[in-house]
Protein backbone atom coordinates (compact mmCIF):
# COMPACT_ATOMS: atom_id res chain seq x y z
CA MET A 1 15.07 55.04 104.08
CA THR A 2 14.00 55.72 107.58
CA VAL A 3 13.91 59.20 109.04
CA LYS A 4 14.09 60.05 112.70
CA GLY A 5 11.37 62.57 113.41
CA SER A 6 7.99 63.57 112.09
CA LEU A 7 6.71 65.12 108.90
CA TYR A 8 4.35 68.07 109.23
CA PRO A 9 2.87 69.86 106.20
CA THR A 10 3.48 73.59 105.82
CA ARG A 11 0.73 76.14 106.29
CA LEU A 12 0.63 76.76 102.55
CA ALA A 13 0.11 73.05 101.87
CA VAL A 14 -2.79 72.90 104.32
CA ILE A 15 -4.39 76.01 102.79
CA ALA A 16 -3.94 74.65 99.25
CA MET A 17 -5.51 71.33 100.22
CA GLY A 18 -8.37 73.06 102.02
CA ALA A 19 -9.04 75.44 99.14
CA GLY A 20 -8.73 72.81 96.45
CA LEU A 21 -11.17 70.39 98.02
CA PRO A 22 -14.34 72.52 97.76
CA LEU A 23 -13.29 73.87 94.37
CA SER A 24 -12.86 70.38 92.98
CA LEU A 25 -16.18 69.33 94.50
CA ILE A 26 -17.99 72.27 92.87
CA LEU A 27 -16.24 71.58 89.56
CA SER A 28 -17.17 67.89 89.66
CA LEU A 29 -20.80 68.71 90.47
CA ALA A 30 -21.00 71.21 87.61
CA PHE A 31 -19.10 69.03 85.14
CA PRO A 32 -19.23 65.35 86.20
CA SER A 33 -16.65 64.31 83.62
CA PHE A 34 -14.02 66.47 85.38
CA TRP A 35 -14.14 64.55 88.68
CA ILE A 36 -10.60 63.30 88.10
CA ILE A 37 -9.23 66.85 88.55
CA GLY A 38 -10.02 66.66 92.27
CA VAL A 39 -8.21 63.35 92.63
CA VAL A 40 -5.20 64.66 90.72
CA TRP A 41 -5.18 67.81 92.89
CA ILE A 42 -5.13 65.80 96.14
CA LEU A 43 -2.53 63.28 94.95
CA GLY A 44 -0.36 66.04 93.49
CA LEU A 45 -0.37 67.98 96.74
CA LEU A 46 0.41 64.87 98.76
CA ALA A 47 3.35 64.14 96.45
CA LEU A 48 4.63 67.70 96.88
CA ILE A 49 4.28 67.48 100.67
CA LEU A 50 6.31 64.25 100.71
CA LEU A 51 8.91 65.74 98.38
CA ASP A 52 9.18 68.79 100.63
CA GLY A 53 9.65 66.54 103.64
CA PHE A 54 12.43 64.57 101.99
CA LEU A 55 14.21 67.67 100.72
CA ALA A 56 13.96 69.41 104.10
CA THR A 57 15.34 66.48 106.10
CA PRO A 58 19.10 66.68 106.77
CA LEU A 59 21.07 63.76 105.37
CA ASP A 60 22.59 62.94 108.76
CA LYS A 61 19.11 62.10 110.08
CA MET A 62 18.42 59.60 107.29
CA GLU A 63 19.43 56.00 107.69
CA PRO A 64 19.58 53.82 104.57
CA GLU A 65 17.86 50.49 105.00
CA ILE A 66 18.35 47.81 102.37
CA LYS A 67 16.23 44.69 102.47
CA ALA A 68 17.30 41.82 100.27
CA ALA A 69 16.07 38.28 99.93
CA ARG A 70 17.99 35.74 101.98
CA GLN A 71 17.94 33.24 99.18
CA LEU A 72 17.99 33.85 95.46
CA PHE A 73 15.99 31.72 93.05
CA HIS A 74 18.04 28.92 91.57
CA ARG A 75 16.66 26.79 88.80
CA TYR A 76 17.97 23.25 88.54
CA ALA A 77 18.64 22.33 84.94
CA GLY A 78 18.68 18.63 84.89
């Protein structure tokens, strides 16, 4: 799908990302085995920002784009 326009995160998303980054850094310094929580936090917020962008975009501004192979694999049995 292609969308005409730009995707900007909301203020809440920017604040959540900004607040989560130092908290995850402090947590990973205090407990090194919990470093993955920071990665999950960042990836989770990015997924929510993309989901918000797709849900907020009107359907008339989306253009479906299907790419298919020009030639399909054909095995010669002989």
